[in-house]
Amino acid sequence: KEILLNDEKLFKSLNLKLPFMADLSKKLSYYNLVNTLEL
């Protein structure tokens, strides 16, 4: 799961919603608030 949940494009291409925590983790990483996927 840790590998797939870092692939946001894959989920979008399959019309699957990225889980909330994975999406939040990626957004917070843009602001350097987290540096790894946190679920």
PDB file of all heavy atoms in Angstrom:
ATOM      1  N   LYS A   1       0.818  -1.216   0.000  1.00  0.00           N
ATOM      2  CA  LYS A   1       0.000   0.000   0.000  1.00  0.00           C
ATOM      3  C   LYS A   1       0.850   1.264   0.000  1.00  0.00           C
ATOM      4  O   LYS A   1       0.487   2.265  -0.622  1.00  0.00           O
ATOM      5  CB  LYS A   1      -0.953   0.002   1.198  1.00  0.00           C
ATOM      6  CG  LYS A   1      -0.286   0.203   2.541  1.00  0.00           C
ATOM      7  CD  LYS A   1      -1.288   0.243   3.671  1.00  0.00           C
ATOM      8  CE  LYS A   1      -0.560   0.403   5.009  1.00  0.00           C
ATOM      9  NZ  LYS A   1      -1.472   0.285   6.139  1.00  0.00           N
ATOM     10  N   GLU A   2       1.995   1.244   0.698  1.00  0.00           N
ATOM     11  CA  GLU A   2       2.828   2.449   0.785  1.00  0.00           C
ATOM     12  C   GLU A   2       3.325   2.889  -0.587  1.00  0.00           C
ATOM     13  O   GLU A   2       3.473   4.086  -0.852  1.00  0.00           O
ATOM     14  CB  GLU A   2       4.022   2.212   1.713  1.00  0.00           C
ATOM     15  CG  GLU A   2       3.685   2.081   3.180  1.00  0.00           C
ATOM     16  CD  GLU A   2       3.202   0.690   3.572  1.00  0.00           C
ATOM     17  OE1 GLU A   2       3.215  -0.209   2.697  1.00  0.00           O
ATOM     18  OE2 GLU A   2       2.811   0.509   4.734  1.00  0.00           O
ATOM     19  N   ILE A   3       3.557   1.931  -1.459  1.00  0.00           N
ATOM     20  CA  ILE A   3       4.020   2.252  -2.811  1.00  0.00           C
ATOM     21  C   ILE A   3       2.871   2.819  -3.648  1.00  0.00           C
ATOM     22  O   ILE A   3       3.004   3.860  -4.299  1.00  0.00           O
ATOM     23  CB  ILE A   3       4.627   1.010  -3.491  1.00  0.00           C
ATOM     24  CG1 ILE A   3       5.894   0.580  -2.745  1.00  0.00           C
ATOM     25  CG2 ILE A   3       4.927   1.268  -4.959  1.00  0.00           C
ATOM     26  CD1 ILE A   3       6.501  -0.711  -3.238  1.00  0.00           C
ATOM     27  N   LEU A   4       1.717   2.150  -3.604  1.00  0.00           N
ATOM     28  CA  LEU A   4       0.588   2.584  -4.435  1.00  0.00           C
ATOM     29  C   LEU A   4       0.007   3.920  -3.990  1.00  0.00           C
ATOM     30  O   LEU A   4      -0.403   4.739  -4.823  1.00  0.00           O
ATOM     31  CB  LEU A   4      -0.511   1.524  -4.420  1.00  0.00           C
ATOM     32  CG  LEU A   4      -0.330   0.321  -5.330  1.00  0.00           C
ATOM     33  CD1 LEU A   4      -1.589  -0.507  -5.359  1.00  0.00           C
ATOM     34  CD2 LEU A   4       0.035   0.749  -6.739  1.00  0.00           C
ATOM     35  N   LEU A   5      -0.035   4.156  -2.677  1.00  0.00           N
ATOM     36  CA  LEU A   5      -0.658   5.381  -2.194  1.00  0.00           C
ATOM     37  C   LEU A   5       0.177   6.623  -2.457  1.00  0.00           C
ATOM     38  O   LEU A   5      -0.266   7.741  -2.232  1.00  0.00           O
ATOM     39  CB  LEU A   5      -0.983   5.249  -0.700  1.00  0.00           C
ATOM     40  CG  LEU A   5      -2.082   4.238  -0.377  1.00  0.00           C
ATOM     41  CD1 LEU A   5      -2.330   4.162   1.120  1.00  0.00           C
ATOM     42  CD2 LEU A   5      -3.380   4.574  -1.112  1.00  0.00           C
ATOM     43  N   ASN A   6       1.379   6.431  -2.934  1.00  0.00           N
ATOM     44  CA  ASN A   6       2.196   7.554  -3.382  1.00  0.00           C
ATOM     45  C   ASN A   6       1.977   7.859  -4.855  1.00  0.00           C
ATOM     46  O   ASN A   6       2.540   8.820  -5.386  1.00  0.00           O
ATOM     47  CB  ASN A   6       3.682   7.268  -3.131  1.00  0.00           C
ATOM     48  CG  ASN A   6       4.101   7.645  -1.726  1.00  0.00           C
ATOM     49  OD1 ASN A   6       3.921   8.777  -1.300  1.00  0.00           O
ATOM     50  ND2 ASN A   6       4.631   6.680  -0.990  1.00  0.00           N
ATOM     51  N   ASP A   7       1.149   7.026  -5.526  1.00  0.00           N
ATOM     52  CA  ASP A   7       0.909   7.193  -6.959  1.00  0.00           C
ATOM     53  C   ASP A   7      -0.481   7.782  -7.181  1.00  0.00           C
ATOM     54  O   ASP A   7      -1.431   7.089  -7.549  1.00  0.00           O
ATOM     55  CB  ASP A   7       1.052   5.840  -7.662  1.00  0.00           C
ATOM     56  CG  ASP A   7       1.129   5.962  -9.179  1.00  0.00           C
ATOM     57  OD1 ASP A   7       0.803   7.054  -9.691  1.00  0.00           O
ATOM     58  OD2 ASP A   7       1.517   4.979  -9.828  1.00  0.00           O
ATOM     59  N   GLU A   8      -0.596   9.070  -6.948  1.00  0.00           N
ATOM     60  CA  GLU A   8      -1.883   9.757  -7.077  1.00  0.00           C
ATOM     61  C   GLU A   8      -2.423   9.694  -8.503  1.00  0.00           C
ATOM     62  O   GLU A   8      -3.628   9.549  -8.728  1.00  0.00           O
ATOM     63  CB  GLU A   8      -1.731  11.213  -6.640  1.00  0.00           C
ATOM     64  CG  GLU A   8      -3.021  11.996  -6.602  1.00  0.00           C
ATOM     65  CD  GLU A   8      -2.821  13.402  -6.076  1.00  0.00           C
ATOM     66  OE1 GLU A   8      -1.663  13.791  -5.822  1.00  0.00           O
ATOM     67  OE2 GLU A   8      -3.833  14.116  -5.932  1.00  0.00           O
ATOM     68  N   LYS A   9      -1.530   9.756  -9.488  1.00  0.00           N
ATOM     69  CA  LYS A   9      -1.951   9.723 -10.889  1.00  0.00           C
ATOM     70  C   LYS A   9      -2.632   8.407 -11.246  1.00  0.00           C
ATOM     71  O   LYS A   9      -3.572   8.380 -12.039  1.00  0.00           O
ATOM     72  CB  LYS A   9      -0.745   9.960 -11.798  1.00  0.00           C
ATOM     73  CG  LYS A   9      -0.200  11.380 -11.757  1.00  0.00           C
ATOM     74  CD  LYS A   9       0.961  11.565 -12.723  1.00  0.00           C
ATOM     75  CE  LYS A   9       1.483  12.986 -12.679  1.00  0.00           C
ATOM     76  NZ  LYS A   9       2.639  13.177 -13.603  1.00  0.00           N
ATOM     77  N   LEU A  10      -2.149   7.301 -10.669  1.00  0.00           N
ATOM     78  CA  LEU A  10      -2.751   6.002 -10.942  1.00  0.00           C
ATOM     79  C   LEU A  10      -4.200   5.973 -10.475  1.00  0.00           C
ATOM     80  O   LEU A  10      -5.089   5.534 -11.218  1.00  0.00           O
ATOM     81  CB  LEU A  10      -1.955   4.889 -10.249  1.00  0.00           C
ATOM     82  CG  LEU A  10      -2.568   3.487 -10.319  1.00  0.00           C
ATOM     83  CD1 LEU A  10      -2.610   2.992 -11.758  1.00  0.00           C
ATOM     84  CD2 LEU A  10      -1.798   2.517  -9.443  1.00  0.00           C
ATOM     85  N   PHE A  11      -4.450   6.452  -9.272  1.00  0.00           N
ATOM     86  CA  PHE A  11      -5.816   6.470  -8.746  1.00  0.00           C
ATOM     87  C   PHE A  11      -6.721   7.337  -9.619  1.00  0.00           C
ATOM     88  O   PHE A  11      -7.855   6.947  -9.930  1.00  0.00           O
ATOM     89  CB  PHE A  11      -5.813   6.972  -7.297  1.00  0.00           C
ATOM     90  CG  PHE A  11      -5.522   5.901  -6.283  1.00  0.00           C
ATOM     91  CD1 PHE A  11      -4.232   5.425  -6.113  1.00  0.00           C
ATOM     92  CD2 PHE A  11      -6.537   5.360  -5.505  1.00  0.00           C
ATOM     93  CE1 PHE A  11      -3.951   4.431  -5.188  1.00  0.00           C
ATOM     94  CE2 PHE A  11      -6.274   4.369  -4.588  1.00  0.00           C
ATOM     95  CZ  PHE A  11      -4.981   3.901  -4.422  1.00  0.00           C
ATOM     96  N   LYS A  12      -6.234   8.490 -10.013  1.00  0.00           N
ATOM     97  CA  LYS A  12      -7.049   9.377 -10.844  1.00  0.00           C
ATOM     98  C   LYS A  12      -7.344   8.755 -12.201  1.00  0.00           C
ATOM     99  O   LYS A  12      -8.454   8.880 -12.732  1.00  0.00           O
ATOM    100  CB  LYS A  12      -6.333  10.716 -11.023  1.00  0.00           C
ATOM    101  CG  LYS A  12      -6.377  11.601  -9.789  1.00  0.00           C
ATOM    102  CD  LYS A  12      -5.752  12.966 -10.071  1.00  0.00           C
ATOM    103  CE  LYS A  12      -5.884  13.878  -8.862  1.00  0.00           C
ATOM    104  NZ  LYS A  12      -5.286  15.208  -9.092  1.00  0.00           N
ATOM    105  N   SER A  13      -6.361   8.065 -12.780  1.00  0.00           N
ATOM    106  CA  SER A  13      -6.551   7.459 -14.097  1.00  0.00           C
ATOM    107  C   SER A  13      -7.594   6.352 -14.071  1.00  0.00           C
ATOM    108  O   SER A  13      -8.203   6.035 -15.094  1.00  0.00           O
ATOM    109  CB  SER A  13      -5.220   6.903 -14.620  1.00  0.00           C
ATOM    110  OG  SER A  13      -4.805   5.771 -13.863  1.00  0.00           O
ATOM    111  N   LEU A  14      -7.811   5.762 -12.903  1.00  0.00           N
ATOM    112  CA  LEU A  14      -8.784   4.682 -12.762  1.00  0.00           C
ATOM    113  C   LEU A  14     -10.094   5.163 -12.147  1.00  0.00           C
ATOM    114  O   LEU A  14     -10.964   4.358 -11.818  1.00  0.00           O
ATOM    115  CB  LEU A  14      -8.196   3.566 -11.883  1.00  0.00           C
ATOM    116  CG  LEU A  14      -6.961   2.867 -12.455  1.00  0.00           C
ATOM    117  CD1 LEU A  14      -6.338   1.955 -11.412  1.00  0.00           C
ATOM    118  CD2 LEU A  14      -7.327   2.076 -13.701  1.00  0.00           C
ATOM    119  N   ASN A  15     -10.222   6.483 -12.012  1.00  0.00           N
ATOM    120  CA  ASN A  15     -11.411   7.080 -11.392  1.00  0.00           C
ATOM    121  C   ASN A  15     -11.637   6.558  -9.981  1.00  0.00           C
ATOM    122  O   ASN A  15     -12.779   6.355  -9.537  1.00  0.00           O
ATOM    123  CB  ASN A  15     -12.660   6.829 -12.253  1.00  0.00           C
ATOM    124  CG  ASN A  15     -12.597   7.542 -13.582  1.00  0.00           C
ATOM    125  OD1 ASN A  15     -12.199   8.704 -13.649  1.00  0.00           O
ATOM    126  ND2 ASN A  15     -12.969   6.856 -14.648  1.00  0.00           N
ATOM    127  N   LEU A  16     -10.532   6.346  -9.266  1.00  0.00           N
ATOM    128  CA  LEU A  16     -10.587   5.929  -7.871  1.00  0.00           C
ATOM    129  C   LEU A  16     -10.128   7.094  -7.006  1.00  0.00           C
ATOM    130  O   LEU A  16      -9.177   7.800  -7.344  1.00  0.00           O
ATOM    131  CB  LEU A  16      -9.683   4.717  -7.629  1.00  0.00           C
ATOM    132  CG  LEU A  16     -10.077   3.421  -8.332  1.00  0.00           C
ATOM    133  CD1 LEU A  16      -9.004   2.359  -8.119  1.00  0.00           C
ATOM    134  CD2 LEU A  16     -11.423   2.909  -7.834  1.00  0.00           C
ATOM    135  N   LYS A  17     -10.815   7.262  -5.888  1.00  0.00           N
ATOM    136  CA  LYS A  17     -10.488   8.369  -4.991  1.00  0.00           C
ATOM    137  C   LYS A  17      -9.330   7.984  -4.080  1.00  0.00           C
ATOM    138  O   LYS A  17      -9.350   6.934  -3.446  1.00  0.00           O
ATOM    139  CB  LYS A  17     -11.713   8.729  -4.158  1.00  0.00           C
ATOM    140  CG  LYS A  17     -11.527   9.953  -3.269  1.00  0.00           C
ATOM    141  CD  LYS A  17     -12.808  10.234  -2.508  1.00  0.00           C
ATOM    142  CE  LYS A  17     -12.627  11.437  -1.575  1.00  0.00           C
ATOM    143  NZ  LYS A  17     -13.867  11.699  -0.791  1.00  0.00           N
ATOM    144  N   LEU A  18      -8.314   8.839  -4.028  1.00  0.00           N
ATOM    145  CA  LEU A  18      -7.203   8.612  -3.114  1.00  0.00           C
ATOM    146  C   LEU A  18      -7.731   8.736  -1.683  1.00  0.00           C
ATOM    147  O   LEU A  18      -8.471   9.675  -1.370  1.00  0.00           O
ATOM    148  CB  LEU A  18      -6.106   9.647  -3.358  1.00  0.00           C
ATOM    149  CG  LEU A  18      -4.725   9.360  -2.760  1.00  0.00           C
ATOM    150  CD1 LEU A  18      -4.089   8.151  -3.447  1.00  0.00           C
ATOM    151  CD2 LEU A  18      -3.815  10.577  -2.885  1.00  0.00           C
ATOM    152  N   PRO A  19      -7.389   7.784  -0.791  1.00  0.00           N
ATOM    153  CA  PRO A  19      -7.874   7.868   0.595  1.00  0.00           C
ATOM    154  C   PRO A  19      -7.532   9.211   1.237  1.00  0.00           C
ATOM    155  O   PRO A  19      -6.497   9.809   0.948  1.00  0.00           O
ATOM    156  CB  PRO A  19      -7.135   6.716   1.289  1.00  0.00           C
ATOM    157  CG  PRO A  19      -6.844   5.744   0.210  1.00  0.00           C
ATOM    158  CD  PRO A  19      -6.583   6.579  -1.019  1.00  0.00           C
ATOM    159  N   PHE A  20      -8.403   9.664   2.119  1.00  0.00           N
ATOM    160  CA  PHE A  20      -8.272  10.990   2.729  1.00  0.00           C
ATOM    161  C   PHE A  20      -6.899  11.199   3.359  1.00  0.00           C
ATOM    162  O   PHE A  20      -6.256  12.233   3.147  1.00  0.00           O
ATOM    163  CB  PHE A  20      -9.363  11.192   3.781  1.00  0.00           C
ATOM    164  CG  PHE A  20      -9.185  12.442   4.599  1.00  0.00           C
ATOM    165  CD1 PHE A  20      -9.528  13.683   4.075  1.00  0.00           C
ATOM    166  CD2 PHE A  20      -8.654  12.375   5.891  1.00  0.00           C
ATOM    167  CE1 PHE A  20      -9.346  14.838   4.825  1.00  0.00           C
ATOM    168  CE2 PHE A  20      -8.463  13.530   6.636  1.00  0.00           C
ATOM    169  CZ  PHE A  20      -8.822  14.764   6.110  1.00  0.00           C
ATOM    170  N   MET A  21      -6.424  10.229   4.156  1.00  0.00           N
ATOM    171  CA  MET A  21      -5.161  10.401   4.857  1.00  0.00           C
ATOM    172  C   MET A  21      -3.986  10.457   3.888  1.00  0.00           C
ATOM    173  O   MET A  21      -3.024  11.197   4.098  1.00  0.00           O
ATOM    174  CB  MET A  21      -4.962   9.281   5.878  1.00  0.00           C
ATOM    175  CG  MET A  21      -5.833   9.398   7.119  1.00  0.00           C
ATOM    176  SD  MET A  21      -5.636  10.964   7.994  1.00  0.00           S
ATOM    177  CE  MET A  21      -3.884  10.910   8.398  1.00  0.00           C
ATOM    178  N   ALA A  22      -4.044   9.673   2.816  1.00  0.00           N
ATOM    179  CA  ALA A  22      -2.979   9.709   1.813  1.00  0.00           C
ATOM    180  C   ALA A  22      -2.978  11.059   1.099  1.00  0.00           C
ATOM    181  O   ALA A  22      -1.919  11.657   0.862  1.00  0.00           O
ATOM    182  CB  ALA A  22      -3.149   8.576   0.812  1.00  0.00           C
ATOM    183  N   ASP A  23      -4.166  11.550   0.770  1.00  0.00           N
ATOM    184  CA  ASP A  23      -4.284  12.849   0.100  1.00  0.00           C
ATOM    185  C   ASP A  23      -3.802  13.977   1.013  1.00  0.00           C
ATOM    186  O   ASP A  23      -3.050  14.870   0.590  1.00  0.00           O
ATOM    187  CB  ASP A  23      -5.743  13.076  -0.297  1.00  0.00           C
ATOM    188  CG  ASP A  23      -5.944  14.335  -1.118  1.00  0.00           C
ATOM    189  OD1 ASP A  23      -5.179  14.541  -2.076  1.00  0.00           O
ATOM    190  OD2 ASP A  23      -6.849  15.116  -0.785  1.00  0.00           O
ATOM    191  N   LEU A  24      -4.213  13.936   2.289  1.00  0.00           N
ATOM    192  CA  LEU A  24      -3.798  14.954   3.251  1.00  0.00           C
ATOM    193  C   LEU A  24      -2.285  14.917   3.458  1.00  0.00           C
ATOM    194  O   LEU A  24      -1.623  15.967   3.514  1.00  0.00           O
ATOM    195  CB  LEU A  24      -4.512  14.734   4.586  1.00  0.00           C
ATOM    196  CG  LEU A  24      -4.168  15.700   5.723  1.00  0.00           C
ATOM    197  CD1 LEU A  24      -4.524  17.135   5.335  1.00  0.00           C
ATOM    198  CD2 LEU A  24      -4.886  15.292   7.005  1.00  0.00           C
ATOM    199  N   SER A  25      -1.748  13.715   3.550  1.00  0.00           N
ATOM    200  CA  SER A  25      -0.307  13.551   3.752  1.00  0.00           C
ATOM    201  C   SER A  25       0.475  14.176   2.598  1.00  0.00           C
ATOM    202  O   SER A  25       1.483  14.869   2.803  1.00  0.00           O
ATOM    203  CB  SER A  25       0.036  12.064   3.894  1.00  0.00           C
ATOM    204  OG  SER A  25       1.379  11.883   4.228  1.00  0.00           O
ATOM    205  N   LYS A  26       0.001  13.961   1.370  1.00  0.00           N
ATOM    206  CA  LYS A  26       0.698  14.517   0.204  1.00  0.00           C
ATOM    207  C   LYS A  26       0.612  16.044   0.204  1.00  0.00           C
ATOM    208  O   LYS A  26       1.591  16.736  -0.110  1.00  0.00           O
ATOM    209  CB  LYS A  26       0.100  13.942  -1.088  1.00  0.00           C
ATOM    210  CG  LYS A  26       0.398  12.470  -1.305  1.00  0.00           C
ATOM    211  CD  LYS A  26      -0.199  11.963  -2.606  1.00  0.00           C
ATOM    212  CE  LYS A  26       0.586  12.471  -3.793  1.00  0.00           C
ATOM    213  NZ  LYS A  26       1.946  11.914  -3.838  1.00  0.00           N
ATOM    214  N   LYS A  27      -0.548  16.588   0.564  1.00  0.00           N
ATOM    215  CA  LYS A  27      -0.710  18.037   0.587  1.00  0.00           C
ATOM    216  C   LYS A  27       0.177  18.677   1.648  1.00  0.00           C
ATOM    217  O   LYS A  27       0.796  19.726   1.417  1.00  0.00           O
ATOM    218  CB  LYS A  27      -2.182  18.394   0.815  1.00  0.00           C
ATOM    219  CG  LYS A  27      -3.061  18.109  -0.399  1.00  0.00           C
ATOM    220  CD  LYS A  27      -4.521  18.370  -0.122  1.00  0.00           C
ATOM    221  CE  LYS A  27      -5.367  18.081  -1.367  1.00  0.00           C
ATOM    222  NZ  LYS A  27      -6.816  18.229  -1.097  1.00  0.00           N
ATOM    223  N   LEU A  28       0.255  18.048   2.814  1.00  0.00           N
ATOM    224  CA  LEU A  28       1.083  18.595   3.897  1.00  0.00           C
ATOM    225  C   LEU A  28       2.566  18.491   3.579  1.00  0.00           C
ATOM    226  O   LEU A  28       3.375  19.300   4.065  1.00  0.00           O
ATOM    227  CB  LEU A  28       0.769  17.875   5.208  1.00  0.00           C
ATOM    228  CG  LEU A  28      -0.615  18.150   5.800  1.00  0.00           C
ATOM    229  CD1 LEU A  28      -0.820  17.322   7.065  1.00  0.00           C
ATOM    230  CD2 LEU A  28      -0.806  19.630   6.108  1.00  0.00           C
ATOM    231  N   SER A  29       2.910  17.509   2.735  1.00  0.00           N
ATOM    232  CA  SER A  29       4.323  17.372   2.364  1.00  0.00           C
ATOM    233  C   SER A  29       4.793  18.554   1.516  1.00  0.00           C
ATOM    234  O   SER A  29       5.979  18.896   1.522  1.00  0.00           O
ATOM    235  CB  SER A  29       4.548  16.054   1.608  1.00  0.00           C
ATOM    236  OG  SER A  29       3.949  16.089   0.325  1.00  0.00           O
ATOM    237  N   TYR A  30       3.847  19.197   0.789  1.00  0.00           N
ATOM    238  CA  TYR A  30       4.208  20.368  -0.005  1.00  0.00           C
ATOM    239  C   TYR A  30       4.705  21.518   0.885  1.00  0.00           C
ATOM    240  O   TYR A  30       5.491  22.359   0.453  1.00  0.00           O
ATOM    241  CB  TYR A  30       2.999  20.860  -0.817  1.00  0.00           C
ATOM    242  CG  TYR A  30       2.488  19.878  -1.844  1.00  0.00           C
ATOM    243  CD1 TYR A  30       1.138  19.830  -2.178  1.00  0.00           C
ATOM    244  CD2 TYR A  30       3.348  18.987  -2.486  1.00  0.00           C
ATOM    245  CE1 TYR A  30       0.657  18.927  -3.124  1.00  0.00           C
ATOM    246  CE2 TYR A  30       2.872  18.089  -3.431  1.00  0.00           C
ATOM    247  CZ  TYR A  30       1.533  18.060  -3.746  1.00  0.00           C
ATOM    248  OH  TYR A  30       1.052  17.169  -4.679  1.00  0.00           O
ATOM    249  N   TYR A  31       4.214  21.527   2.131  1.00  0.00           N
ATOM    250  CA  TYR A  31       4.604  22.579   3.074  1.00  0.00           C
ATOM    251  C   TYR A  31       5.660  22.095   4.068  1.00  0.00           C
ATOM    252  O   TYR A  31       5.928  22.765   5.072  1.00  0.00           O
ATOM    253  CB  TYR A  31       3.369  23.072   3.832  1.00  0.00           C
ATOM    254  CG  TYR A  31       2.293  23.630   2.926  1.00  0.00           C
ATOM    255  CD1 TYR A  31       1.218  22.853   2.525  1.00  0.00           C
ATOM    256  CD2 TYR A  31       2.363  24.939   2.464  1.00  0.00           C
ATOM    257  CE1 TYR A  31       0.233  23.353   1.684  1.00  0.00           C
ATOM    258  CE2 TYR A  31       1.378  25.460   1.620  1.00  0.00           C
ATOM    259  CZ  TYR A  31       0.323  24.655   1.237  1.00  0.00           C
ATOM    260  OH  TYR A  31      -0.642  25.171   0.392  1.00  0.00           O
ATOM    261  N   ASN A  32       6.222  20.918   3.751  1.00  0.00           N
ATOM    262  CA  ASN A  32       7.268  20.319   4.592  1.00  0.00           C
ATOM    263  C   ASN A  32       6.809  20.065   6.031  1.00  0.00           C
ATOM    264  O   ASN A  32       7.621  20.074   6.964  1.00  0.00           O
ATOM    265  CB  ASN A  32       8.518  21.213   4.609  1.00  0.00           C
ATOM    266  CG  ASN A  32       9.168  21.312   3.246  1.00  0.00           C
ATOM    267  OD1 ASN A  32       9.276  20.311   2.535  1.00  0.00           O
ATOM    268  ND2 ASN A  32       9.589  22.511   2.869  1.00  0.00           N
ATOM    269  N   LEU A  33       5.503  19.842   6.192  1.00  0.00           N
ATOM    270  CA  LEU A  33       4.981  19.527   7.524  1.00  0.00           C
ATOM    271  C   LEU A  33       5.127  18.043   7.839  1.00  0.00           C
ATOM    272  O   LEU A  33       5.229  17.653   8.995  1.00  0.00           O
ATOM    273  CB  LEU A  33       3.513  19.945   7.620  1.00  0.00           C
ATOM    274  CG  LEU A  33       3.283  21.462   7.570  1.00  0.00           C
ATOM    275  CD1 LEU A  33       1.799  21.781   7.485  1.00  0.00           C
ATOM    276  CD2 LEU A  33       3.898  22.128   8.792  1.00  0.00           C
ATOM    277  N   VAL A  34       5.092  17.218   6.796  1.00  0.00           N
ATOM    278  CA  VAL A  34       5.428  15.794   6.927  1.00  0.00           C
ATOM    279  C   VAL A  34       6.334  15.448   5.758  1.00  0.00           C
ATOM    280  O   VAL A  34       6.226  16.042   4.682  1.00  0.00           O
ATOM    281  CB  VAL A  34       4.174  14.881   6.933  1.00  0.00           C
ATOM    282  CG1 VAL A  34       3.300  15.135   8.144  1.00  0.00           C
ATOM    283  CG2 VAL A  34       3.367  15.060   5.654  1.00  0.00           C
ATOM    284  N   ASN A  35       7.233  14.515   5.971  1.00  0.00           N
ATOM    285  CA  ASN A  35       8.158  14.168   4.881  1.00  0.00           C
ATOM    286  C   ASN A  35       8.003  12.735   4.395  1.00  0.00           C
ATOM    287  O   ASN A  35       8.726  12.287   3.524  1.00  0.00           O
ATOM    288  CB  ASN A  35       9.614  14.428   5.297  1.00  0.00           C
ATOM    289  CG  ASN A  35       9.961  13.739   6.610  1.00  0.00           C
ATOM    290  OD1 ASN A  35       9.261  12.822   7.029  1.00  0.00           O
ATOM    291  ND2 ASN A  35      11.019  14.193   7.254  1.00  0.00           N
ATOM    292  N   THR A  36       7.044  11.987   4.997  1.00  0.00           N
ATOM    293  CA  THR A  36       6.757  10.628   4.549  1.00  0.00           C
ATOM    294  C   THR A  36       5.242  10.435   4.513  1.00  0.00           C
ATOM    295  O   THR A  36       4.494  11.208   5.136  1.00  0.00           O
ATOM    296  CB  THR A  36       7.368   9.571   5.492  1.00  0.00           C
ATOM    297  OG1 THR A  36       6.860   9.773   6.822  1.00  0.00           O
ATOM    298  CG2 THR A  36       8.887   9.651   5.492  1.00  0.00           C
ATOM    299  N   LEU A  37       4.802   9.415   3.797  1.00  0.00           N
ATOM    300  CA  LEU A  37       3.373   9.100   3.752  1.00  0.00           C
ATOM    301  C   LEU A  37       2.904   8.703   5.148  1.00  0.00           C
ATOM    302  O   LEU A  37       3.430   7.770   5.743  1.00  0.00           O
ATOM    303  CB  LEU A  37       3.128   7.952   2.767  1.00  0.00           C
ATOM    304  CG  LEU A  37       1.672   7.520   2.567  1.00  0.00           C
ATOM    305  CD1 LEU A  37       0.888   8.609   1.846  1.00  0.00           C
ATOM    306  CD2 LEU A  37       1.605   6.218   1.778  1.00  0.00           C
ATOM    307  N   GLU A  38       1.927   9.418   5.677  1.00  0.00           N
ATOM    308  CA  GLU A  38       1.420   9.134   7.014  1.00  0.00           C
ATOM    309  C   GLU A  38      -0.080   8.847   6.931  1.00  0.00           C
ATOM    310  O   GLU A  38      -0.848   9.694   6.489  1.00  0.00           O
ATOM    311  CB  GLU A  38       1.672  10.322   7.943  1.00  0.00           C
ATOM    312  CG  GLU A  38       1.246  10.073   9.372  1.00  0.00           C
ATOM    313  CD  GLU A  38       1.842   8.801   9.939  1.00  0.00           C
ATOM    314  OE1 GLU A  38       3.060   8.775  10.196  1.00  0.00           O
ATOM    315  OE2 GLU A  38       1.068   7.830  10.106  1.00  0.00           O
ATOM    316  N   LEU A  39      -0.478   7.630   7.350  1.00  0.00           N
ATOM    317  CA  LEU A  39      -1.859   7.199   7.180  1.00  0.00           C
ATOM    318  C   LEU A  39      -2.645   7.149   8.478  1.00  0.00           C
ATOM    319  O   LEU A  39      -3.813   6.791   8.484  1.00  0.00           O
ATOM    320  CB  LEU A  39      -1.892   5.817   6.503  1.00  0.00           C
ATOM    321  CG  LEU A  39      -1.219   5.749   5.131  1.00  0.00           C
ATOM    322  CD1 LEU A  39      -1.213   4.315   4.611  1.00  0.00           C
ATOM    323  CD2 LEU A  39      -1.897   6.680   4.133  1.00  0.00           C
TER     324      LEU A  39
END
